[in-house]
PDB file of N, CA and C in Angstrom:
ATOM      1  N   UNK A   1      -4.420  34.317  15.228  1.00  0.00           N
ATOM      2  CA  UNK A   1      -3.306  33.136  15.233  1.00  0.00           C
ATOM      3  C   UNK A   1      -4.258  31.926  14.295  1.00  0.00           C
ATOM      4  N   UNK A   2      -3.368  31.199  13.558  1.00  0.00           N
ATOM      5  CA  UNK A   2      -3.634  29.980  12.374  1.00  0.00           C
ATOM      6  C   UNK A   2      -4.075  29.079  13.417  1.00  0.00           C
ATOM      7  N   UNK A   3      -5.424  28.703  12.854  1.00  0.00           N
ATOM      8  CA  UNK A   3      -5.768  27.589  12.776  1.00  0.00           C
ATOM      9  C   UNK A   3      -5.067  26.308  12.450  1.00  0.00           C
ATOM     10  N   UNK A   4      -5.352  25.345  13.611  1.00  0.00           N
ATOM     11  CA  UNK A   4      -4.378  24.068  13.469  1.00  0.00           C
ATOM     12  C   UNK A   4      -5.186  23.599  11.872  1.00  0.00           C
ATOM     13  N   UNK A   5      -3.952  22.500  11.611  1.00  0.00           N
ATOM     14  CA  UNK A   5      -3.860  22.055  10.275  1.00  0.00           C
ATOM     15  C   UNK A   5      -4.668  21.026  10.334  1.00  0.00           C
ATOM     16  N   UNK A   6      -5.760  20.673   9.472  1.00  0.00           N
ATOM     17  CA  UNK A   6      -6.198  19.209   9.514  1.00  0.00           C
ATOM     18  C   UNK A   6      -5.221  18.118   9.514  1.00  0.00           C
ATOM     19  N   UNK A   7      -5.463  17.022  10.273  1.00  0.00           N
ATOM     20  CA  UNK A   7      -4.945  15.835   9.632  1.00  0.00           C
ATOM     21  C   UNK A   7      -5.206  15.041   8.574  1.00  0.00           C
ATOM     22  N   UNK A   8      -3.595  14.440   7.850  1.00  0.00           N
ATOM     23  CA  UNK A   8      -4.315  14.217   6.421  1.00  0.00           C
ATOM     24  C   UNK A   8      -5.176  12.627   6.895  1.00  0.00           C
ATOM     25  N   UNK A   9      -5.737  12.095   5.819  1.00  0.00           N
ATOM     26  CA  UNK A   9      -6.189  11.014   5.934  1.00  0.00           C
ATOM     27  C   UNK A   9      -5.282   9.801   5.995  1.00  0.00           C
ATOM     28  N   UNK A  10      -4.220  10.405   5.405  1.00  0.00           N
ATOM     29  CA  UNK A  10      -3.249   9.489   5.088  1.00  0.00           C
ATOM     30  C   UNK A  10      -1.788   9.922   5.172  1.00  0.00           C
ATOM     31  N   UNK A  11      -0.740   9.490   5.530  1.00  0.00           N
ATOM     32  CA  UNK A  11       0.657  10.350   5.648  1.00  0.00           C
ATOM     33  C   UNK A  11       1.484   8.779   5.857  1.00  0.00           C
ATOM     34  N   UNK A  12       2.843   9.735   5.387  1.00  0.00           N
ATOM     35  CA  UNK A  12       3.623   8.298   4.830  1.00  0.00           C
ATOM     36  C   UNK A  12       4.797   8.399   6.522  1.00  0.00           C
ATOM     37  N   UNK A  13       4.988   7.592   7.503  1.00  0.00           N
ATOM     38  CA  UNK A  13       5.875   7.920   8.358  1.00  0.00           C
ATOM     39  C   UNK A  13       7.165   7.198   8.396  1.00  0.00           C
ATOM     40  N   UNK A  14       7.632   5.961   7.348  1.00  0.00           N
ATOM     41  CA  UNK A  14       8.660   6.157   6.855  1.00  0.00           C
ATOM     42  C   UNK A  14       8.965   5.517   5.230  1.00  0.00           C
ATOM     43  N   UNK A  15      10.435   5.423   4.893  1.00  0.00           N
ATOM     44  CA  UNK A  15       9.868   4.812   3.584  1.00  0.00           C
ATOM     45  C   UNK A  15      11.298   4.270   3.108  1.00  0.00           C
ATOM     46  N   UNK A  16      11.891   2.678   2.864  1.00  0.00           N
ATOM     47  CA  UNK A  16      12.495   2.320   2.822  1.00  0.00           C
ATOM     48  C   UNK A  16      13.121   0.819   1.283  1.00  0.00           C
ATOM     49  N   UNK A  17      14.153   0.622   1.068  1.00  0.00           N
ATOM     50  CA  UNK A  17      14.525  -0.412   0.333  1.00  0.00           C
ATOM     51  C   UNK A  17      14.269  -1.183   0.772  1.00  0.00           C
ATOM     52  N   UNK A  18      13.600  -2.233   0.439  1.00  0.00           N
ATOM     53  CA  UNK A  18      13.794  -3.705   0.558  1.00  0.00           C
ATOM     54  C   UNK A  18      14.133  -4.634  -1.017  1.00  0.00           C
ATOM     55  N   UNK A  19      15.707  -5.034  -0.891  1.00  0.00           N
ATOM     56  CA  UNK A  19      15.605  -5.433  -2.257  1.00  0.00           C
ATOM     57  C   UNK A  19      15.564  -4.613  -3.354  1.00  0.00           C
ATOM     58  N   UNK A  20      14.584  -5.420  -4.239  1.00  0.00           N
ATOM     59  CA  UNK A  20      14.593  -4.532  -5.560  1.00  0.00           C
ATOM     60  C   UNK A  20      13.680  -3.675  -5.515  1.00  0.00           C
ATOM     61  N   UNK A  21      12.767  -3.477  -4.222  1.00  0.00           N
ATOM     62  CA  UNK A  21      11.502  -2.948  -4.340  1.00  0.00           C
ATOM     63  C   UNK A  21      11.482  -1.718  -3.170  1.00  0.00           C
ATOM     64  N   UNK A  22      10.557  -1.251  -2.727  1.00  0.00           N
ATOM     65  CA  UNK A  22      10.537   0.114  -1.875  1.00  0.00           C
ATOM     66  C   UNK A  22       9.390  -0.264  -1.098  1.00  0.00           C
ATOM     67  N   UNK A  23       9.471   0.172   0.335  1.00  0.00           N
ATOM     68  CA  UNK A  23       8.122  -0.163   1.470  1.00  0.00           C
ATOM     69  C   UNK A  23       8.004   1.456   1.566  1.00  0.00           C
ATOM     70  N   UNK A  24       6.706   1.265   1.893  1.00  0.00           N
ATOM     71  CA  UNK A  24       6.175   2.260   2.265  1.00  0.00           C
ATOM     72  C   UNK A  24       5.179   2.530   3.281  1.00  0.00           C
ATOM     73  N   UNK A  25       5.535   2.966   4.298  1.00  0.00           N
ATOM     74  CA  UNK A  25       5.223   2.696   5.959  1.00  0.00           C
ATOM     75  C   UNK A  25       4.079   4.038   5.860  1.00  0.00           C
ATOM     76  N   UNK A  26       2.487   3.560   5.710  1.00  0.00           N
ATOM     77  CA  UNK A  26       1.724   4.743   6.121  1.00  0.00           C
ATOM     78  C   UNK A  26       0.807   4.843   7.081  1.00  0.00           C
ATOM     79  N   UNK A  27       0.409   5.699   7.425  1.00  0.00           N
ATOM     80  CA  UNK A  27      -0.198   5.708   8.791  1.00  0.00           C
ATOM     81  C   UNK A  27      -1.947   6.198   8.096  1.00  0.00           C
ATOM     82  N   UNK A  28      -3.211   5.829   8.943  1.00  0.00           N
ATOM     83  CA  UNK A  28      -4.338   6.301   8.189  1.00  0.00           C
ATOM     84  C   UNK A  28      -5.015   6.510   9.170  1.00  0.00           C
ATOM     85  N   UNK A  29      -5.840   7.292   9.925  1.00  0.00           N
ATOM     86  CA  UNK A  29      -6.396   7.372  11.327  1.00  0.00           C
ATOM     87  C   UNK A  29      -6.164   6.555  12.520  1.00  0.00           C
ATOM     88  N   UNK A  30      -5.043   6.203  12.666  1.00  0.00           N
ATOM     89  CA  UNK A  30      -4.589   5.918  13.737  1.00  0.00           C
ATOM     90  C   UNK A  30      -3.707   4.145  13.491  1.00  0.00           C
ATOM     91  N   UNK A  31      -4.380   3.851  12.010  1.00  0.00           N
ATOM     92  CA  UNK A  31      -3.918   2.403  11.577  1.00  0.00           C
ATOM     93  C   UNK A  31      -2.846   2.033  10.734  1.00  0.00           C
ATOM     94  N   UNK A  32      -1.758   1.309  10.739  1.00  0.00           N
ATOM     95  CA  UNK A  32      -0.714   1.490  10.133  1.00  0.00           C
ATOM     96  C   UNK A  32      -0.850  -0.014   8.715  1.00  0.00           C
ATOM     97  N   UNK A  33      -0.226   0.821   7.344  1.00  0.00           N
ATOM     98  CA  UNK A  33      -0.642  -0.337   6.467  1.00  0.00           C
ATOM     99  C   UNK A  33       0.791   0.062   5.769  1.00  0.00           C
ATOM    100  N   UNK A  34       1.549  -1.029   5.664  1.00  0.00           N
ATOM    101  CA  UNK A  34       2.900  -1.142   4.408  1.00  0.00           C
ATOM    102  C   UNK A  34       2.408  -1.281   3.272  1.00  0.00           C
ATOM    103  N   UNK A  35       3.249  -0.247   2.132  1.00  0.00           N
ATOM    104  CA  UNK A  35       2.773  -1.066   0.759  1.00  0.00           C
ATOM    105  C   UNK A  35       4.155  -1.282   0.563  1.00  0.00           C
ATOM    106  N   UNK A  36       4.244  -2.390  -0.370  1.00  0.00           N
ATOM    107  CA  UNK A  36       5.881  -2.708  -1.001  1.00  0.00           C
ATOM    108  C   UNK A  36       5.717  -2.166  -2.151  1.00  0.00           C
ATOM    109  N   UNK A  37       6.667  -1.898  -3.022  1.00  0.00           N
ATOM    110  CA  UNK A  37       6.644  -1.742  -4.650  1.00  0.00           C
ATOM    111  C   UNK A  37       7.789  -2.217  -4.791  1.00  0.00           C
ATOM    112  N   UNK A  38       7.539  -3.453  -6.407  1.00  0.00           N
ATOM    113  CA  UNK A  38       8.533  -4.315  -6.523  1.00  0.00           C
ATOM    114  C   UNK A  38       8.289  -4.545  -8.221  1.00  0.00           C
ATOM    115  N   UNK A  39       9.665  -3.926  -8.854  1.00  0.00           N
ATOM    116  CA  UNK A  39       9.541  -4.514 -10.246  1.00  0.00           C
ATOM    117  C   UNK A  39       9.925  -5.547 -10.465  1.00  0.00           C
ATOM    118  N   UNK A  40       9.098  -6.264 -11.527  1.00  0.00           N
ATOM    119  CA  UNK A  40       9.438  -7.648 -12.340  1.00  0.00           C
ATOM    120  C   UNK A  40      10.756  -7.893 -11.980  1.00  0.00           C
ATOM    121  N   UNK A  41      11.034  -9.339 -11.877  1.00  0.00           N
ATOM    122  CA  UNK A  41      12.747  -9.632 -11.597  1.00  0.00           C
ATOM    123  C   UNK A  41      12.672 -10.832 -12.490  1.00  0.00           C
ATOM    124  N   UNK A  42      11.592 -11.421 -12.491  1.00  0.00           N
ATOM    125  CA  UNK A  42      11.435 -12.937 -13.350  1.00  0.00           C
ATOM    126  C   UNK A  42      10.780 -12.842 -14.785  1.00  0.00           C
ATOM    127  N   UNK A  43      10.715 -13.324 -15.800  1.00  0.00           N
ATOM    128  CA  UNK A  43       9.576 -13.143 -17.295  1.00  0.00           C
ATOM    129  C   UNK A  43       8.325 -13.658 -16.403  1.00  0.00           C
ATOM    130  N   UNK A  44       8.760 -15.214 -15.821  1.00  0.00           N
ATOM    131  CA  UNK A  44       7.180 -15.515 -15.288  1.00  0.00           C
ATOM    132  C   UNK A  44       6.170 -14.509 -14.513  1.00  0.00           C
ATOM    133  N   UNK A  45       6.678 -13.145 -13.786  1.00  0.00           N
ATOM    134  CA  UNK A  45       6.091 -12.823 -13.210  1.00  0.00           C
ATOM    135  C   UNK A  45       4.601 -12.496 -14.080  1.00  0.00           C
ATOM    136  N   UNK A  46       3.878 -11.974 -13.302  1.00  0.00           N
ATOM    137  CA  UNK A  46       2.366 -11.748 -13.716  1.00  0.00           C
ATOM    138  C   UNK A  46       2.218 -10.123 -14.263  1.00  0.00           C
ATOM    139  N   UNK A  47       2.739  -9.682 -14.239  1.00  0.00           N
ATOM    140  CA  UNK A  47       2.707  -7.964 -14.540  1.00  0.00           C
ATOM    141  C   UNK A  47       4.637  -7.068 -14.862  1.00  0.00           C
ATOM    142  N   UNK A  48       4.781  -6.458 -14.575  1.00  0.00           N
ATOM    143  CA  UNK A  48       5.723  -5.695 -14.826  1.00  0.00           C
ATOM    144  C   UNK A  48       5.917  -4.870 -13.128  1.00  0.00           C
ATOM    145  N   UNK A  49       4.967  -4.967 -12.496  1.00  0.00           N
ATOM    146  CA  UNK A  49       4.748  -4.129 -11.217  1.00  0.00           C
ATOM    147  C   UNK A  49       4.542  -4.919  -9.808  1.00  0.00           C
ATOM    148  N   UNK A  50       4.805  -5.484  -8.854  1.00  0.00           N
ATOM    149  CA  UNK A  50       4.113  -5.911  -7.707  1.00  0.00           C
ATOM    150  C   UNK A  50       3.842  -5.098  -6.808  1.00  0.00           C
ATOM    151  N   UNK A  51       2.806  -4.925  -6.264  1.00  0.00           N
ATOM    152  CA  UNK A  51       2.284  -4.012  -4.981  1.00  0.00           C
ATOM    153  C   UNK A  51       1.858  -5.596  -4.060  1.00  0.00           C
ATOM    154  N   UNK A  52       2.203  -5.009  -3.006  1.00  0.00           N
ATOM    155  CA  UNK A  52       1.985  -6.018  -1.754  1.00  0.00           C
ATOM    156  C   UNK A  52       1.686  -5.114  -0.528  1.00  0.00           C
ATOM    157  N   UNK A  53       0.602  -5.192   0.115  1.00  0.00           N
ATOM    158  CA  UNK A  53      -0.245  -4.381   1.150  1.00  0.00           C
ATOM    159  C   UNK A  53      -0.930  -5.214   2.795  1.00  0.00           C
ATOM    160  N   UNK A  54       0.000  -4.730   3.639  1.00  0.00           N
ATOM    161  CA  UNK A  54      -0.231  -5.564   4.744  1.00  0.00           C
ATOM    162  C   UNK A  54      -0.463  -4.592   5.903  1.00  0.00           C
ATOM    163  N   UNK A  55      -1.979  -4.798   6.929  1.00  0.00           N
ATOM    164  CA  UNK A  55      -1.831  -4.055   7.964  1.00  0.00           C
ATOM    165  C   UNK A  55      -0.947  -4.685   9.037  1.00  0.00           C
ATOM    166  N   UNK A  56      -0.706  -5.409   9.446  1.00  0.00           N
ATOM    167  CA  UNK A  56       0.251  -6.015  10.818  1.00  0.00           C
ATOM    168  C   UNK A  56       1.481  -6.510  10.588  1.00  0.00           C
ATOM    169  N   UNK A  57       2.727  -6.660  11.169  1.00  0.00           N
ATOM    170  CA  UNK A  57       3.862  -6.595  11.112  1.00  0.00           C
ATOM    171  C   UNK A  57       3.513  -7.809  12.229  1.00  0.00           C
ATOM    172  N   UNK A  58       4.580  -9.147  11.414  1.00  0.00           N
ATOM    173  CA  UNK A  58       5.001 -10.635  12.426  1.00  0.00           C
ATOM    174  C   UNK A  58       4.320 -11.740  11.631  1.00  0.00           C
ATOM    175  N   UNK A  59       4.188 -12.655  12.337  1.00  0.00           N
ATOM    176  CA  UNK A  59       4.081 -13.642  11.233  1.00  0.00           C
ATOM    177  C   UNK A  59       2.938 -13.727  10.979  1.00  0.00           C
ATOM    178  N   UNK A  60       1.798 -13.109  11.859  1.00  0.00           N
ATOM    179  CA  UNK A  60       0.324 -13.243  11.939  1.00  0.00           C
ATOM    180  C   UNK A  60      -0.371 -12.498  10.544  1.00  0.00           C
ATOM    181  N   UNK A  61       0.684 -11.699   9.642  1.00  0.00           N
ATOM    182  CA  UNK A  61       0.595 -10.704   9.242  1.00  0.00           C
ATOM    183  C   UNK A  61      -0.304 -11.247   7.673  1.00  0.00           C
ATOM    184  N   UNK A  62      -1.402 -10.735   7.228  1.00  0.00           N
ATOM    185  CA  UNK A  62      -1.283 -11.389   5.845  1.00  0.00           C
ATOM    186  C   UNK A  62      -1.037 -10.282   4.984  1.00  0.00           C
ATOM    187  N   UNK A  63      -0.617 -10.574   3.891  1.00  0.00           N
ATOM    188  CA  UNK A  63      -0.607  -9.737   2.719  1.00  0.00           C
ATOM    189  C   UNK A  63      -1.383  -9.885   1.973  1.00  0.00           C
ATOM    190  N   UNK A  64      -1.656  -9.216   1.170  1.00  0.00           N
ATOM    191  CA  UNK A  64      -2.652  -8.686  -0.094  1.00  0.00           C
ATOM    192  C   UNK A  64      -1.718  -8.423  -1.335  1.00  0.00           C
ATOM    193  N   UNK A  65      -1.321  -9.304  -2.079  1.00  0.00           N
ATOM    194  CA  UNK A  65      -0.340  -8.683  -3.409  1.00  0.00           C
ATOM    195  C   UNK A  65      -0.719  -8.700  -4.945  1.00  0.00           C
ATOM    196  N   UNK A  66      -0.640  -8.228  -5.539  1.00  0.00           N
ATOM    197  CA  UNK A  66      -0.967  -8.090  -6.898  1.00  0.00           C
ATOM    198  C   UNK A  66      -0.171  -7.701  -8.009  1.00  0.00           C
ATOM    199  N   UNK A  67      -0.083  -8.175  -9.402  1.00  0.00           N
ATOM    200  CA  UNK A  67       0.799  -7.456 -10.365  1.00  0.00           C
ATOM    201  C   UNK A  67       0.065  -7.031 -11.483  1.00  0.00           C
ATOM    202  N   UNK A  68       0.938  -6.077 -11.810  1.00  0.00           N
ATOM    203  CA  UNK A  68      -0.262  -4.910 -12.969  1.00  0.00           C
ATOM    204  C   UNK A  68       1.072  -4.202 -13.901  1.00  0.00           C
ATOM    205  N   UNK A  69      -0.108  -3.716 -15.183  1.00  0.00           N
ATOM    206  CA  UNK A  69       1.470  -3.255 -15.912  1.00  0.00           C
ATOM    207  C   UNK A  69       2.137  -2.245 -15.372  1.00  0.00           C
ATOM    208  N   UNK A  70       1.255  -1.865 -14.288  1.00  0.00           N
ATOM    209  CA  UNK A  70       2.226   0.120 -14.094  1.00  0.00           C
ATOM    210  C   UNK A  70       1.904  -0.501 -12.853  1.00  0.00           C
ATOM    211  N   UNK A  71       2.505   0.342 -11.869  1.00  0.00           N
ATOM    212  CA  UNK A  71       2.465   0.542 -10.016  1.00  0.00           C
ATOM    213  C   UNK A  71       1.317   1.019  -9.832  1.00  0.00           C
ATOM    214  N   UNK A  72       0.281   2.002 -10.462  1.00  0.00           N
ATOM    215  CA  UNK A  72      -1.058   1.959 -10.492  1.00  0.00           C
ATOM    216  C   UNK A  72      -1.535   1.244 -10.690  1.00  0.00           C
ATOM    217  N   UNK A  73      -1.916   0.355 -11.413  1.00  0.00           N
ATOM    218  CA  UNK A  73      -2.603  -0.748 -11.655  1.00  0.00           C
ATOM    219  C   UNK A  73      -2.594  -1.649 -10.579  1.00  0.00           C
ATOM    220  N   UNK A  74      -1.175  -1.977 -10.122  1.00  0.00           N
ATOM    221  CA  UNK A  74      -1.272  -3.155  -9.389  1.00  0.00           C
ATOM    222  C   UNK A  74      -2.004  -2.699  -8.066  1.00  0.00           C
ATOM    223  N   UNK A  75      -1.823  -1.370  -7.602  1.00  0.00           N
ATOM    224  CA  UNK A  75      -2.524  -0.890  -6.422  1.00  0.00           C
ATOM    225  C   UNK A  75      -3.749  -0.960  -6.493  1.00  0.00           C
ATOM    226  N   UNK A  76      -4.478  -0.456  -7.312  1.00  0.00           N
ATOM    227  CA  UNK A  76      -5.680  -0.532  -7.713  1.00  0.00           C
ATOM    228  C   UNK A  76      -5.946  -2.520  -7.427  1.00  0.00           C
ATOM    229  N   UNK A  77      -5.313  -3.155  -7.891  1.00  0.00           N
ATOM    230  CA  UNK A  77      -6.026  -4.546  -8.087  1.00  0.00           C
ATOM    231  C   UNK A  77      -5.599  -4.745  -6.788  1.00  0.00           C
ATOM    232  N   UNK A  78      -4.932  -4.116  -5.609  1.00  0.00           N
ATOM    233  CA  UNK A  78      -4.261  -4.438  -4.004  1.00  0.00           C
ATOM    234  C   UNK A  78      -5.743  -4.612  -3.492  1.00  0.00           C
ATOM    235  N   UNK A  79      -6.153  -2.740  -3.881  1.00  0.00           N
ATOM    236  CA  UNK A  79      -7.247  -2.142  -3.269  1.00  0.00           C
ATOM    237  C   UNK A  79      -8.189  -3.165  -3.415  1.00  0.00           C
ATOM    238  N   UNK A  80      -8.925  -3.663  -4.515  1.00  0.00           N
ATOM    239  CA  UNK A  80      -9.870  -4.003  -4.943  1.00  0.00           C
ATOM    240  C   UNK A  80      -9.663  -5.366  -4.104  1.00  0.00           C
ATOM    241  N   UNK A  81      -8.833  -5.925  -3.927  1.00  0.00           N
ATOM    242  CA  UNK A  81      -8.939  -7.492  -3.384  1.00  0.00           C
ATOM    243  C   UNK A  81      -8.744  -7.360  -1.801  1.00  0.00           C
ATOM    244  N   UNK A  82      -8.410  -6.134  -1.516  1.00  0.00           N
ATOM    245  CA  UNK A  82      -8.379  -5.741   0.006  1.00  0.00           C
ATOM    246  C   UNK A  82      -9.651  -6.152   0.495  1.00  0.00           C
ATOM    247  N   UNK A  83     -10.308  -5.100  -0.222  1.00  0.00           N
ATOM    248  CA  UNK A  83     -12.159  -4.550  -0.197  1.00  0.00           C
ATOM    249  C   UNK A  83     -12.833  -6.065  -0.053  1.00  0.00           C
ATOM    250  N   UNK A  84     -12.509  -6.411  -1.094  1.00  0.00           N
ATOM    251  CA  UNK A  84     -12.941  -7.982  -1.021  1.00  0.00           C
ATOM    252  C   UNK A  84     -13.102  -9.132   0.074  1.00  0.00           C
ATOM    253  N   UNK A  85     -11.882  -9.262   0.418  1.00  0.00           N
ATOM    254  CA  UNK A  85     -11.355 -10.351   1.705  1.00  0.00           C
ATOM    255  C   UNK A  85     -11.620  -9.157   3.101  1.00  0.00           C
ATOM    256  N   UNK A  86     -11.448  -7.978   2.976  1.00  0.00           N
ATOM    257  CA  UNK A  86     -11.396  -7.510   4.767  1.00  0.00           C
ATOM    258  C   UNK A  86     -12.570  -8.007   5.418  1.00  0.00           C
ATOM    259  N   UNK A  87     -13.578  -8.719   5.210  1.00  0.00           N
ATOM    260  CA  UNK A  87     -14.193  -9.132   6.468  1.00  0.00           C
ATOM    261  C   UNK A  87     -13.734 -10.425   6.716  1.00  0.00           C
ATOM    262  N   UNK A  88     -13.246 -11.299   5.571  1.00  0.00           N
ATOM    263  CA  UNK A  88     -13.257 -12.861   5.911  1.00  0.00           C
ATOM    264  C   UNK A  88     -11.888 -13.381   6.683  1.00  0.00           C
ATOM    265  N   UNK A  89     -11.145 -11.960   6.356  1.00  0.00           N
ATOM    266  CA  UNK A  89      -9.757 -12.434   6.639  1.00  0.00           C
ATOM    267  C   UNK A  89      -9.545 -10.911   7.984  1.00  0.00           C
ATOM    268  N   UNK A  90     -10.387  -9.975   8.225  1.00  0.00           N
ATOM    269  CA  UNK A  90     -10.126  -9.441   9.469  1.00  0.00           C
ATOM    270  C   UNK A  90      -9.234  -8.572   9.004  1.00  0.00           C
ATOM    271  N   UNK A  91      -9.255  -7.699   8.001  1.00  0.00           N
ATOM    272  CA  UNK A  91      -8.627  -7.212   7.434  1.00  0.00           C
ATOM    273  C   UNK A  91      -8.951  -5.575   8.152  1.00  0.00           C
ATOM    274  N   UNK A  92      -7.800  -4.378   8.665  1.00  0.00           N
ATOM    275  CA  UNK A  92      -8.384  -3.163   8.731  1.00  0.00           C
ATOM    276  C   UNK A  92      -8.790  -2.396   7.700  1.00  0.00           C
ATOM    277  N   UNK A  93      -9.882  -1.261   7.665  1.00  0.00           N
ATOM    278  CA  UNK A  93     -10.462  -0.956   6.808  1.00  0.00           C
ATOM    279  C   UNK A  93      -9.604   0.749   6.722  1.00  0.00           C
ATOM    280  N   UNK A  94      -8.962   0.884   5.256  1.00  0.00           N
ATOM    281  CA  UNK A  94      -8.401   2.050   4.872  1.00  0.00           C
ATOM    282  C   UNK A  94      -9.267   2.817   3.317  1.00  0.00           C
ATOM    283  N   UNK A  95      -8.425   4.087   3.647  1.00  0.00           N
ATOM    284  CA  UNK A  95      -9.599   4.749   2.309  1.00  0.00           C
ATOM    285  C   UNK A  95      -8.533   4.459   1.521  1.00  0.00           C
ATOM    286  N   UNK A  96      -8.799   3.600   0.504  1.00  0.00           N
ATOM    287  CA  UNK A  96      -7.626   3.226  -0.660  1.00  0.00           C
ATOM    288  C   UNK A  96      -7.795   4.906  -1.809  1.00  0.00           C
ATOM    289  N   UNK A  97      -8.574   5.733  -1.975  1.00  0.00           N
ATOM    290  CA  UNK A  97      -8.342   6.803  -2.125  1.00  0.00           C
ATOM    291  C   UNK A  97      -7.352   7.552  -1.747  1.00  0.00           C
ATOM    292  N   UNK A  98      -7.589   7.427  -0.439  1.00  0.00           N
ATOM    293  CA  UNK A  98      -6.014   8.881   0.314  1.00  0.00           C
ATOM    294  C   UNK A  98      -4.850   8.099   0.030  1.00  0.00           C
ATOM    295  N   UNK A  99      -4.787   6.570   0.416  1.00  0.00           N
ATOM    296  CA  UNK A  99      -3.767   5.710   0.106  1.00  0.00           C
ATOM    297  C   UNK A  99      -2.996   5.797  -1.109  1.00  0.00           C
ATOM    298  N   UNK A 100      -3.689   6.052  -2.403  1.00  0.00           N
ATOM    299  CA  UNK A 100      -3.381   6.342  -3.594  1.00  0.00           C
ATOM    300  C   UNK A 100      -3.004   7.812  -3.775  1.00  0.00           C
ATOM    301  N   UNK A 101      -3.337   8.483  -3.388  1.00  0.00           N
ATOM    302  CA  UNK A 101      -3.398   9.762  -3.443  1.00  0.00           C
ATOM    303  C   UNK A 101      -1.394  10.315  -3.084  1.00  0.00           C
ATOM    304  N   UNK A 102      -1.838   9.505  -1.594  1.00  0.00           N
ATOM    305  CA  UNK A 102      -0.419   9.686  -0.947  1.00  0.00           C
ATOM    306  C   UNK A 102       0.545   9.408  -1.750  1.00  0.00           C
ATOM    307  N   UNK A 103       0.718   7.901  -1.870  1.00  0.00           N
ATOM    308  CA  UNK A 103       1.749   7.490  -2.611  1.00  0.00           C
ATOM    309  C   UNK A 103       2.015   8.214  -4.091  1.00  0.00           C
ATOM    310  N   UNK A 104       1.060   8.405  -4.828  1.00  0.00           N
ATOM    311  CA  UNK A 104       1.534   9.361  -5.854  1.00  0.00           C
ATOM    312  C   UNK A 104       1.886  10.750  -5.754  1.00  0.00           C
ATOM    313  N   UNK A 105       1.222  11.478  -4.626  1.00  0.00           N
ATOM    314  CA  UNK A 105       2.102  12.984  -4.188  1.00  0.00           C
ATOM    315  C   UNK A 105       3.614  12.473  -3.839  1.00  0.00           C
ATOM    316  N   UNK A 106       4.078  11.679  -3.642  1.00  0.00           N
ATOM    317  CA  UNK A 106       5.725  11.221  -3.694  1.00  0.00           C
ATOM    318  C   UNK A 106       6.071  10.264  -4.652  1.00  0.00           C
ATOM    319  N   UNK A 107       5.350  10.359  -5.969  1.00  0.00           N
ATOM    320  CA  UNK A 107       5.903   9.329  -6.475  1.00  0.00           C
ATOM    321  C   UNK A 107       6.277   7.798  -6.679  1.00  0.00           C
ATOM    322  N   UNK A 108       5.498   7.299  -5.512  1.00  0.00           N
ATOM    323  CA  UNK A 108       5.475   6.116  -5.495  1.00  0.00           C
ATOM    324  C   UNK A 108       5.037   5.310  -6.193  1.00  0.00           C
ATOM    325  N   UNK A 109       3.833   5.520  -7.258  1.00  0.00           N
ATOM    326  CA  UNK A 109       3.310   4.729  -7.938  1.00  0.00           C
ATOM    327  C   UNK A 109       3.166   5.678  -8.949  1.00  0.00           C
TER     328      UNK A 109
END
């Protein structure tokens, strides 16, 4: 008998389009994280790609978003901003390396 596969540190539970962007719903050790990746739509936007992340749904959701020249750069900026504001904004802790690896595996970034 094969041993059970270990639970991945982060997995995609759902993905769908929202406007010009795509939303990836992730689960990491029982905590949910929504990541929305959107291309630039206006010239005044701060980069080519915007990544927005939130760990709650509904009106009380705190969204951390950043612009970058690439999707990966924007996600890296989000992960740094998330870590900087986690305590003061009561954000869930996530393994951003696992989040990045999961999104890379499905070519989301």
